[in-house]
Amino acid sequence: MSDRLAVLPQYLLPKQALTSTAGRFARARAGRWTTAAIERFIARYQVNMAEAEHPDPAAYATFNDFFTRALKPGARPLADADWICPVDGAISQFGRIERDQVFQAKGHSYSTTALVGGDAARAAVFDDGYFATLYLSPRDYHRIHMPCAGKLTHMVHAPGDLFSVNPTTARGVPGLFARNERVVCFFESDQGPFVMVLVGATIVGSMATVWHGLVNPPRTGQLRQWDYAPGQVNLQQGQEMGRFLLGSTVVMIFPKGPLRFNPAWAPARPIRLGEAMAHRS
């Protein structure tokens, strides 16, 4: 079956309704029923609870608490690198931005302007730059950390679709990461500006940042924006910046310059938070 045929049912599903229902379930405090759901999820996806700060499934009052669980201190040491990997997961794609086009999968790309919510001037900074698209599967740790120290300047919540973001959907849905709902975070750093985009998906109940809390819901259907004064939000390399309440994808874009990705990186390769992502050439 072709990827386009495989994703056809997603066009027909009531994705917003499914996502709202999943969000209510994930927030529910249902005692032993919550614990049973967590235990079933752990078994289904082979989640490694040995590295969790609280390995007992009964320690979590809600499914969201479990899904956004913290790791034990020291579980993810940080590499000596200019940019570290910000998540656990797998590499979807990475490489050069061709003028303003970000490669998604064979036959598909999308513009940086669409990705960041329609602001062509902000997007132009990243022409001929670099990108990395990182996929978080259900079994992964779902907090997102800083690839380098950065100062937040601007945030956008862009409404959009809620397609799945698994590899099959990435191959079958044109412009997937720029058409799904997104939280777009603009930073300045000693290495220059960069953007981290948290991409929503089917049953991703919400996305949150450490400075704002829950960004969605609400889902107003309108683009929302926030500006931040210099020094208002400063984050260190490896510090948590946000989380998915049910999992998705992170897209990062960097400007043209002396950036060299880890030579061990390749599409579909598993990755871990803290490993070297890139160095200055």
C-alpha atoms as a PDB file:
ATOM      1  CA  MET A   1       0.000   0.000   0.000  1.00  0.00           C
ATOM      2  CA  SER A   2       1.355   3.476  -0.841  1.00  0.00           C
ATOM      3  CA  ASP A   3       1.951   5.964   1.959  1.00  0.00           C
ATOM      4  CA  ARG A   4      -0.710   8.279   0.535  1.00  0.00           C
ATOM      5  CA  LEU A   5      -3.320   5.528   0.673  1.00  0.00           C
ATOM      6  CA  ALA A   6      -2.161   4.513   4.151  1.00  0.00           C
ATOM      7  CA  VAL A   7      -2.832   8.011   5.518  1.00  0.00           C
ATOM      8  CA  LEU A   8      -6.136   8.543   3.681  1.00  0.00           C
ATOM      9  CA  PRO A   9      -8.256   7.533   6.726  1.00  0.00           C
ATOM     10  CA  GLN A  10      -6.620  10.344   8.712  1.00  0.00           C
ATOM     11  CA  TYR A  11      -8.267  12.900   6.431  1.00  0.00           C
ATOM     12  CA  LEU A  12     -11.652  11.445   7.407  1.00  0.00           C
ATOM     13  CA  LEU A  13     -11.152  10.995  11.144  1.00  0.00           C
ATOM     14  CA  PRO A  14     -12.569  13.630  13.557  1.00  0.00           C
ATOM     15  CA  LYS A  15      -9.052  14.454  14.783  1.00  0.00           C
ATOM     16  CA  GLN A  16     -10.011  17.442  16.936  1.00  0.00           C
ATOM     17  CA  ALA A  17     -12.687  15.440  18.745  1.00  0.00           C
ATOM     18  CA  LEU A  18     -10.342  12.490  19.267  1.00  0.00           C
ATOM     19  CA  THR A  19      -7.681  14.813  20.619  1.00  0.00           C
ATOM     20  CA  SER A  20     -10.088  16.509  23.045  1.00  0.00           C
ATOM     21  CA  THR A  21     -11.296  13.130  24.290  1.00  0.00           C
ATOM     22  CA  ALA A  22      -7.738  11.869  24.752  1.00  0.00           C
ATOM     23  CA  GLY A  23      -6.848  15.043  26.627  1.00  0.00           C
ATOM     24  CA  ARG A  24      -9.735  14.579  29.075  1.00  0.00           C
ATOM     25  CA  PHE A  25      -8.710  10.963  29.676  1.00  0.00           C
ATOM     26  CA  ALA A  26      -5.055  11.921  30.184  1.00  0.00           C
ATOM     27  CA  ARG A  27      -6.025  14.526  32.821  1.00  0.00           C
ATOM     28  CA  ALA A  28      -8.432  12.241  34.691  1.00  0.00           C
ATOM     29  CA  ARG A  29      -7.634  11.082  38.230  1.00  0.00           C
ATOM     30  CA  ALA A  30      -9.164   7.627  38.108  1.00  0.00           C
ATOM     31  CA  GLY A  31      -7.163   5.778  40.754  1.00  0.00           C
ATOM     32  CA  ARG A  32      -6.577   2.136  39.944  1.00  0.00           C
ATOM     33  CA  TRP A  33      -8.035   2.604  36.451  1.00  0.00           C
ATOM     34  CA  THR A  34      -5.359   5.194  35.707  1.00  0.00           C
ATOM     35  CA  THR A  35      -2.686   2.867  37.069  1.00  0.00           C
ATOM     36  CA  ALA A  36      -4.021  -0.005  34.969  1.00  0.00           C
ATOM     37  CA  ALA A  37      -3.939   2.163  31.832  1.00  0.00           C
ATOM     38  CA  ILE A  38      -0.350   3.200  32.587  1.00  0.00           C
ATOM     39  CA  GLU A  39       0.720  -0.406  33.155  1.00  0.00           C
ATOM     40  CA  ARG A  40      -0.865  -1.476  29.891  1.00  0.00           C
ATOM     41  CA  PHE A  41       0.853   1.371  28.051  1.00  0.00           C
ATOM     42  CA  ILE A  42       4.237   0.440  29.568  1.00  0.00           C
ATOM     43  CA  ALA A  43       3.816  -3.176  28.457  1.00  0.00           C
ATOM     44  CA  ARG A  44       2.524  -2.255  24.989  1.00  0.00           C
ATOM     45  CA  TYR A  45       5.350   0.173  24.184  1.00  0.00           C
ATOM     46  CA  GLN A  46       8.110  -1.387  26.325  1.00  0.00           C
ATOM     47  CA  VAL A  47       8.720   1.817  28.258  1.00  0.00           C
ATOM     48  CA  ASN A  48      11.919   1.719  30.314  1.00  0.00           C
ATOM     49  CA  MET A  49      10.724   2.755  33.764  1.00  0.00           C
ATOM     50  CA  ALA A  50      14.075   1.909  35.383  1.00  0.00           C
ATOM     51  CA  GLU A  51      15.381   5.316  34.289  1.00  0.00           C
ATOM     52  CA  ALA A  52      12.320   7.228  35.578  1.00  0.00           C
ATOM     53  CA  GLU A  53      12.583   9.261  38.758  1.00  0.00           C
ATOM     54  CA  HIS A  54       9.469   7.395  39.971  1.00  0.00           C
ATOM     55  CA  PRO A  55       9.474   3.896  38.424  1.00  0.00           C
ATOM     56  CA  ASP A  56       6.257   2.706  40.132  1.00  0.00           C
ATOM     57  CA  PRO A  57       3.216   3.205  37.819  1.00  0.00           C
ATOM     58  CA  ALA A  58       1.044   3.786  40.881  1.00  0.00           C
ATOM     59  CA  ALA A  59       3.063   6.916  41.703  1.00  0.00           C
ATOM     60  CA  TYR A  60       1.290   8.857  38.938  1.00  0.00           C
ATOM     61  CA  ALA A  61      -2.100  10.416  39.656  1.00  0.00           C
ATOM     62  CA  THR A  62      -2.896  10.965  35.973  1.00  0.00           C
ATOM     63  CA  PHE A  63      -1.754   9.565  32.650  1.00  0.00           C
ATOM     64  CA  ASN A  64      -0.292  12.988  31.852  1.00  0.00           C
ATOM     65  CA  ASP A  65       1.856  12.801  34.977  1.00  0.00           C
ATOM     66  CA  PHE A  66       3.234   9.492  33.750  1.00  0.00           C
ATOM     67  CA  PHE A  67       3.675  10.603  30.167  1.00  0.00           C
ATOM     68  CA  THR A  68       5.664  13.686  31.181  1.00  0.00           C
ATOM     69  CA  ARG A  69       7.604  11.770  33.863  1.00  0.00           C
ATOM     70  CA  ALA A  70      10.985  13.060  34.969  1.00  0.00           C
ATOM     71  CA  LEU A  71      14.161  11.027  34.606  1.00  0.00           C
ATOM     72  CA  LYS A  72      16.497  10.086  37.419  1.00  0.00           C
ATOM     73  CA  PRO A  73      19.232  12.665  38.000  1.00  0.00           C
ATOM     74  CA  GLY A  74      22.193  11.876  35.749  1.00  0.00           C
ATOM     75  CA  ALA A  75      20.211   9.623  33.411  1.00  0.00           C
ATOM     76  CA  ARG A  76      21.095  11.841  30.426  1.00  0.00           C
ATOM     77  CA  PRO A  77      24.625  13.262  30.715  1.00  0.00           C
ATOM     78  CA  LEU A  78      25.325  16.180  28.395  1.00  0.00           C
ATOM     79  CA  ALA A  79      27.964  15.806  25.683  1.00  0.00           C
ATOM     80  CA  ASP A  80      30.662  18.404  25.202  1.00  0.00           C
ATOM     81  CA  ALA A  81      29.133  19.911  22.071  1.00  0.00           C
ATOM     82  CA  ASP A  82      27.986  23.313  20.845  1.00  0.00           C
ATOM     83  CA  TRP A  83      24.508  21.875  20.261  1.00  0.00           C
ATOM     84  CA  ILE A  84      23.167  18.788  22.032  1.00  0.00           C
ATOM     85  CA  CYS A  85      20.191  16.659  21.079  1.00  0.00           C
ATOM     86  CA  PRO A  86      17.143  18.119  22.893  1.00  0.00           C
ATOM     87  CA  VAL A  87      15.008  14.949  23.092  1.00  0.00           C
ATOM     88  CA  ASP A  88      14.869  11.180  23.170  1.00  0.00           C
ATOM     89  CA  GLY A  89      13.454   9.741  19.948  1.00  0.00           C
ATOM     90  CA  ALA A  90      14.565   9.146  16.381  1.00  0.00           C
ATOM     91  CA  ILE A  91      15.834  11.339  13.576  1.00  0.00           C
ATOM     92  CA  SER A  92      13.195  11.991  10.937  1.00  0.00           C
ATOM     93  CA  GLN A  93      15.378  14.175   8.688  1.00  0.00           C
ATOM     94  CA  PHE A  94      18.148  16.755   9.057  1.00  0.00           C
ATOM     95  CA  GLY A  95      20.477  18.776   6.855  1.00  0.00           C
ATOM     96  CA  ARG A  96      20.526  21.961   4.807  1.00  0.00           C
ATOM     97  CA  ILE A  97      17.582  24.243   4.163  1.00  0.00           C
ATOM     98  CA  GLU A  98      17.442  24.774   0.394  1.00  0.00           C
ATOM     99  CA  ARG A  99      16.818  28.513   0.150  1.00  0.00           C
ATOM    100  CA  ASP A 100      13.618  28.479   2.248  1.00  0.00           C
ATOM    101  CA  GLN A 101      12.570  24.846   1.757  1.00  0.00           C
ATOM    102  CA  VAL A 102      12.810  22.255   4.538  1.00  0.00           C
ATOM    103  CA  PHE A 103      12.969  18.639   3.391  1.00  0.00           C
ATOM    104  CA  GLN A 104      10.236  16.458   4.903  1.00  0.00           C
ATOM    105  CA  ALA A 105      10.393  13.189   2.954  1.00  0.00           C
ATOM    106  CA  LYS A 106      10.846  12.072  -0.629  1.00  0.00           C
ATOM    107  CA  GLY A 107       8.625  14.297  -2.750  1.00  0.00           C
ATOM    108  CA  HIS A 108       7.702  16.639   0.108  1.00  0.00           C
ATOM    109  CA  SER A 109       9.121  19.848   1.518  1.00  0.00           C
ATOM    110  CA  TYR A 110       7.663  22.968   3.125  1.00  0.00           C
ATOM    111  CA  SER A 111       8.711  26.577   3.599  1.00  0.00           C
ATOM    112  CA  THR A 112      10.260  28.055   6.707  1.00  0.00           C
ATOM    113  CA  THR A 113       7.658  30.830   6.482  1.00  0.00           C
ATOM    114  CA  ALA A 114       4.831  28.297   6.798  1.00  0.00           C
ATOM    115  CA  LEU A 115       6.647  26.490   9.606  1.00  0.00           C
ATOM    116  CA  VAL A 116       7.010  29.565  11.820  1.00  0.00           C
ATOM    117  CA  GLY A 117       3.414  30.693  11.338  1.00  0.00           C
ATOM    118  CA  GLY A 118       3.544  32.925   8.262  1.00  0.00           C
ATOM    119  CA  ASP A 119       6.118  35.566   9.260  1.00  0.00           C
ATOM    120  CA  ALA A 120       8.326  35.812   6.156  1.00  0.00           C
ATOM    121  CA  ALA A 121      10.735  38.328   7.703  1.00  0.00           C
ATOM    122  CA  ARG A 122      11.498  36.120  10.701  1.00  0.00           C
ATOM    123  CA  ALA A 123      11.781  33.080   8.444  1.00  0.00           C
ATOM    124  CA  ALA A 124      14.201  34.754   6.011  1.00  0.00           C
ATOM    125  CA  VAL A 125      16.927  34.691   8.679  1.00  0.00           C
ATOM    126  CA  PHE A 126      17.124  30.924   8.126  1.00  0.00           C
ATOM    127  CA  ASP A 127      17.415  30.867   4.327  1.00  0.00           C
ATOM    128  CA  ASP A 128      20.069  28.322   3.296  1.00  0.00           C
ATOM    129  CA  GLY A 129      20.513  27.349   6.926  1.00  0.00           C
ATOM    130  CA  TYR A 130      20.076  24.012   8.657  1.00  0.00           C
ATOM    131  CA  PHE A 131      17.233  21.964  10.124  1.00  0.00           C
ATOM    132  CA  ALA A 132      16.670  18.882  12.254  1.00  0.00           C
ATOM    133  CA  THR A 133      13.337  17.064  12.587  1.00  0.00           C
ATOM    134  CA  LEU A 134      13.170  14.718  15.574  1.00  0.00           C
ATOM    135  CA  TYR A 135      10.324  12.261  16.175  1.00  0.00           C
ATOM    136  CA  LEU A 136       9.229  11.194  19.666  1.00  0.00           C
ATOM    137  CA  SER A 137       7.510   7.811  19.765  1.00  0.00           C
ATOM    138  CA  PRO A 138       4.998   6.858  22.484  1.00  0.00           C
ATOM    139  CA  ARG A 139       7.680   5.032  24.496  1.00  0.00           C
ATOM    140  CA  ASP A 140      10.054   7.995  24.684  1.00  0.00           C
ATOM    141  CA  TYR A 141      10.740  10.552  27.390  1.00  0.00           C
ATOM    142  CA  HIS A 142       8.562  13.540  26.433  1.00  0.00           C
ATOM    143  CA  ARG A 143      10.248  16.559  27.903  1.00  0.00           C
ATOM    144  CA  ILE A 144      12.151  18.854  25.544  1.00  0.00           C
ATOM    145  CA  HIS A 145      15.435  20.456  26.544  1.00  0.00           C
ATOM    146  CA  MET A 146      17.630  23.237  25.210  1.00  0.00           C
ATOM    147  CA  PRO A 147      20.224  22.323  22.554  1.00  0.00           C
ATOM    148  CA  CYS A 148      22.333  25.271  23.711  1.00  0.00           C
ATOM    149  CA  ALA A 149      21.909  28.217  26.070  1.00  0.00           C
ATOM    150  CA  GLY A 150      19.341  30.625  24.688  1.00  0.00           C
ATOM    151  CA  LYS A 151      17.286  33.740  25.358  1.00  0.00           C
ATOM    152  CA  LEU A 152      13.637  33.564  24.328  1.00  0.00           C
ATOM    153  CA  THR A 153      12.480  36.485  22.165  1.00  0.00           C
ATOM    154  CA  HIS A 154       9.134  35.451  20.659  1.00  0.00           C
ATOM    155  CA  MET A 155       6.568  32.619  20.741  1.00  0.00           C
ATOM    156  CA  VAL A 156       3.765  31.748  18.337  1.00  0.00           C
ATOM    157  CA  HIS A 157       0.887  29.314  18.711  1.00  0.00           C
ATOM    158  CA  ALA A 158      -0.140  28.449  15.154  1.00  0.00           C
ATOM    159  CA  PRO A 159      -3.451  26.585  14.752  1.00  0.00           C
ATOM    160  CA  GLY A 160      -3.557  23.739  12.289  1.00  0.00           C
ATOM    161  CA  ASP A 161      -4.388  20.134  11.557  1.00  0.00           C
ATOM    162  CA  LEU A 162      -3.724  17.229  13.888  1.00  0.00           C
ATOM    163  CA  PHE A 163      -2.390  14.500  11.621  1.00  0.00           C
ATOM    164  CA  SER A 164      -0.245  11.785  13.116  1.00  0.00           C
ATOM    165  CA  VAL A 165       3.477  12.566  12.789  1.00  0.00           C
ATOM    166  CA  ASN A 166       4.843   9.035  12.420  1.00  0.00           C
ATOM    167  CA  PRO A 167       7.181   8.242   9.493  1.00  0.00           C
ATOM    168  CA  THR A 168       4.395   6.903   7.279  1.00  0.00           C
ATOM    169  CA  THR A 169       2.387  10.106   7.664  1.00  0.00           C
ATOM    170  CA  ALA A 170       5.495  12.220   7.020  1.00  0.00           C
ATOM    171  CA  ARG A 171       5.875  10.437   3.688  1.00  0.00           C
ATOM    172  CA  GLY A 172       2.162  10.640   2.834  1.00  0.00           C
ATOM    173  CA  VAL A 173       0.932  14.103   3.923  1.00  0.00           C
ATOM    174  CA  PRO A 174       2.400  17.106   2.059  1.00  0.00           C
ATOM    175  CA  GLY A 175       3.769  19.864   4.310  1.00  0.00           C
ATOM    176  CA  LEU A 176       2.887  17.882   7.428  1.00  0.00           C
ATOM    177  CA  PHE A 177       5.029  19.743   9.968  1.00  0.00           C
ATOM    178  CA  ALA A 178       3.962  23.163   8.699  1.00  0.00           C
ATOM    179  CA  ARG A 179       0.247  22.334   8.538  1.00  0.00           C
ATOM    180  CA  ASN A 180      -0.188  20.675  11.945  1.00  0.00           C
ATOM    181  CA  GLU A 181      -0.764  22.785  15.057  1.00  0.00           C
ATOM    182  CA  ARG A 182       2.541  24.226  16.324  1.00  0.00           C
ATOM    183  CA  VAL A 183       4.172  26.101  19.182  1.00  0.00           C
ATOM    184  CA  VAL A 184       7.059  28.079  17.661  1.00  0.00           C
ATOM    185  CA  CYS A 185       9.791  29.391  19.987  1.00  0.00           C
ATOM    186  CA  PHE A 186      12.411  31.905  18.777  1.00  0.00           C
ATOM    187  CA  PHE A 187      15.720  32.127  20.645  1.00  0.00           C
ATOM    188  CA  GLU A 188      18.961  34.093  20.499  1.00  0.00           C
ATOM    189  CA  SER A 189      22.204  32.414  21.535  1.00  0.00           C
ATOM    190  CA  ASP A 190      25.980  32.842  21.402  1.00  0.00           C
ATOM    191  CA  GLN A 191      25.804  30.664  18.253  1.00  0.00           C
ATOM    192  CA  GLY A 192      23.180  32.919  16.695  1.00  0.00           C
ATOM    193  CA  PRO A 193      19.375  32.738  16.432  1.00  0.00           C
ATOM    194  CA  PHE A 194      17.485  29.460  16.290  1.00  0.00           C
ATOM    195  CA  VAL A 195      13.891  28.261  16.394  1.00  0.00           C
ATOM    196  CA  MET A 196      12.375  25.262  18.173  1.00  0.00           C
ATOM    197  CA  VAL A 197       8.991  24.152  16.867  1.00  0.00           C
ATOM    198  CA  LEU A 198       6.803  21.793  18.915  1.00  0.00           C
ATOM    199  CA  VAL A 199       4.477  20.076  16.446  1.00  0.00           C
ATOM    200  CA  GLY A 200       1.073  18.838  17.569  1.00  0.00           C
ATOM    201  CA  ALA A 201      -0.506  15.596  16.381  1.00  0.00           C
ATOM    202  CA  THR A 202      -3.558  13.382  16.727  1.00  0.00           C
ATOM    203  CA  ILE A 203      -4.362  12.888  20.444  1.00  0.00           C
ATOM    204  CA  VAL A 204      -1.612  15.284  21.564  1.00  0.00           C
ATOM    205  CA  GLY A 205      -3.773  16.766  24.298  1.00  0.00           C
ATOM    206  CA  SER A 206      -1.580  19.801  24.870  1.00  0.00           C
ATOM    207  CA  MET A 207       1.861  21.336  24.584  1.00  0.00           C
ATOM    208  CA  ALA A 208       3.509  23.325  27.351  1.00  0.00           C
ATOM    209  CA  THR A 209       6.594  25.451  27.947  1.00  0.00           C
ATOM    210  CA  VAL A 210       8.356  26.105  31.243  1.00  0.00           C
ATOM    211  CA  TRP A 211       7.802  29.884  30.999  1.00  0.00           C
ATOM    212  CA  HIS A 212       4.148  29.859  29.869  1.00  0.00           C
ATOM    213  CA  GLY A 213       2.649  26.627  31.122  1.00  0.00           C
ATOM    214  CA  LEU A 214      -0.001  25.089  28.872  1.00  0.00           C
ATOM    215  CA  VAL A 215      -0.060  26.833  25.497  1.00  0.00           C
ATOM    216  CA  ASN A 216      -2.892  24.714  24.132  1.00  0.00           C
ATOM    217  CA  PRO A 217      -5.658  24.316  24.999  1.00  0.00           C
ATOM    218  CA  PRO A 218      -7.207  26.765  24.378  1.00  0.00           C
ATOM    219  CA  ARG A 219      -7.534  26.103  20.653  1.00  0.00           C
ATOM    220  CA  THR A 220      -9.056  29.353  19.437  1.00  0.00           C
ATOM    221  CA  GLY A 221      -8.408  28.762  15.747  1.00  0.00           C
ATOM    222  CA  GLN A 222      -6.489  32.060  15.664  1.00  0.00           C
ATOM    223  CA  LEU A 223      -2.729  32.584  15.563  1.00  0.00           C
ATOM    224  CA  ARG A 224      -1.494  33.882  18.928  1.00  0.00           C
ATOM    225  CA  GLN A 225       1.857  35.577  19.610  1.00  0.00           C
ATOM    226  CA  TRP A 226       3.923  36.670  22.611  1.00  0.00           C
ATOM    227  CA  ASP A 227       7.055  38.848  22.774  1.00  0.00           C
ATOM    228  CA  TYR A 228       9.632  38.586  25.542  1.00  0.00           C
ATOM    229  CA  ALA A 229      11.907  41.323  26.824  1.00  0.00           C
ATOM    230  CA  PRO A 230      15.689  40.768  26.903  1.00  0.00           C
ATOM    231  CA  GLY A 231      16.562  38.714  29.966  1.00  0.00           C
ATOM    232  CA  GLN A 232      12.956  37.742  30.692  1.00  0.00           C
ATOM    233  CA  VAL A 233      13.454  34.043  29.808  1.00  0.00           C
ATOM    234  CA  ASN A 234      17.029  32.720  29.808  1.00  0.00           C
ATOM    235  CA  LEU A 235      17.613  28.964  29.599  1.00  0.00           C
ATOM    236  CA  GLN A 236      20.847  26.993  29.866  1.00  0.00           C
ATOM    237  CA  GLN A 237      22.001  24.157  27.632  1.00  0.00           C
ATOM    238  CA  GLY A 238      20.229  20.970  28.702  1.00  0.00           C
ATOM    239  CA  GLN A 239      17.563  22.793  30.721  1.00  0.00           C
ATOM    240  CA  GLU A 240      13.958  21.754  30.142  1.00  0.00           C
ATOM    241  CA  MET A 241      12.066  24.153  27.856  1.00  0.00           C
ATOM    242  CA  GLY A 242       8.791  22.333  27.248  1.00  0.00           C
ATOM    243  CA  ARG A 243       6.893  19.081  27.035  1.00  0.00           C
ATOM    244  CA  PHE A 244       4.293  17.175  25.051  1.00  0.00           C
ATOM    245  CA  LEU A 245       1.266  15.797  26.852  1.00  0.00           C
ATOM    246  CA  LEU A 246       1.143  12.814  24.486  1.00  0.00           C
ATOM    247  CA  GLY A 247       3.942  12.712  21.950  1.00  0.00           C
ATOM    248  CA  SER A 248       4.907  14.329  18.710  1.00  0.00           C
ATOM    249  CA  THR A 249       7.833  15.946  16.836  1.00  0.00           C
ATOM    250  CA  VAL A 250      10.318  18.781  17.328  1.00  0.00           C
ATOM    251  CA  VAL A 251      11.654  20.739  14.334  1.00  0.00           C
ATOM    252  CA  MET A 252      14.666  23.022  14.805  1.00  0.00           C
ATOM    253  CA  ILE A 253      16.005  25.526  12.301  1.00  0.00           C
ATOM    254  CA  PHE A 254      19.338  27.339  12.373  1.00  0.00           C
ATOM    255  CA  PRO A 255      20.765  30.091  10.125  1.00  0.00           C
ATOM    256  CA  LYS A 256      23.459  29.668   7.522  1.00  0.00           C
ATOM    257  CA  GLY A 257      26.846  29.413   9.192  1.00  0.00           C
ATOM    258  CA  PRO A 258      29.564  27.099  10.536  1.00  0.00           C
ATOM    259  CA  LEU A 259      27.352  24.269  11.794  1.00  0.00           C
ATOM    260  CA  ARG A 260      28.414  20.646  11.330  1.00  0.00           C
ATOM    261  CA  PHE A 261      26.047  17.840  12.369  1.00  0.00           C
ATOM    262  CA  ASN A 262      27.264  14.824  14.307  1.00  0.00           C
ATOM    263  CA  PRO A 263      28.710  12.505  11.606  1.00  0.00           C
ATOM    264  CA  ALA A 264      27.031   9.526  13.305  1.00  0.00           C
ATOM    265  CA  TRP A 265      23.584  10.981  12.643  1.00  0.00           C
ATOM    266  CA  ALA A 266      21.390   9.462   9.919  1.00  0.00           C
ATOM    267  CA  PRO A 267      17.641   9.401   9.167  1.00  0.00           C
ATOM    268  CA  ALA A 268      15.756   6.857  11.336  1.00  0.00           C
ATOM    269  CA  ARG A 269      18.678   6.628  13.800  1.00  0.00           C
ATOM    270  CA  PRO A 270      17.624   6.499  17.480  1.00  0.00           C
ATOM    271  CA  ILE A 271      18.757   9.499  19.512  1.00  0.00           C
ATOM    272  CA  ARG A 272      19.053  10.367  23.186  1.00  0.00           C
ATOM    273  CA  LEU A 273      18.756  13.625  25.012  1.00  0.00           C
ATOM    274  CA  GLY A 274      22.194  15.090  25.682  1.00  0.00           C
ATOM    275  CA  GLU A 275      24.162  13.398  22.912  1.00  0.00           C
ATOM    276  CA  ALA A 276      26.147  15.598  20.551  1.00  0.00           C
ATOM    277  CA  MET A 277      23.961  17.013  17.790  1.00  0.00           C
ATOM    278  CA  ALA A 278      26.279  19.526  16.100  1.00  0.00           C
ATOM    279  CA  HIS A 279      29.482  21.504  16.437  1.00  0.00           C
ATOM    280  CA  ARG A 280      30.715  24.750  15.004  1.00  0.00           C
ATOM    281  CA  SER A 281      32.928  23.899  12.031  1.00  0.00           C
END
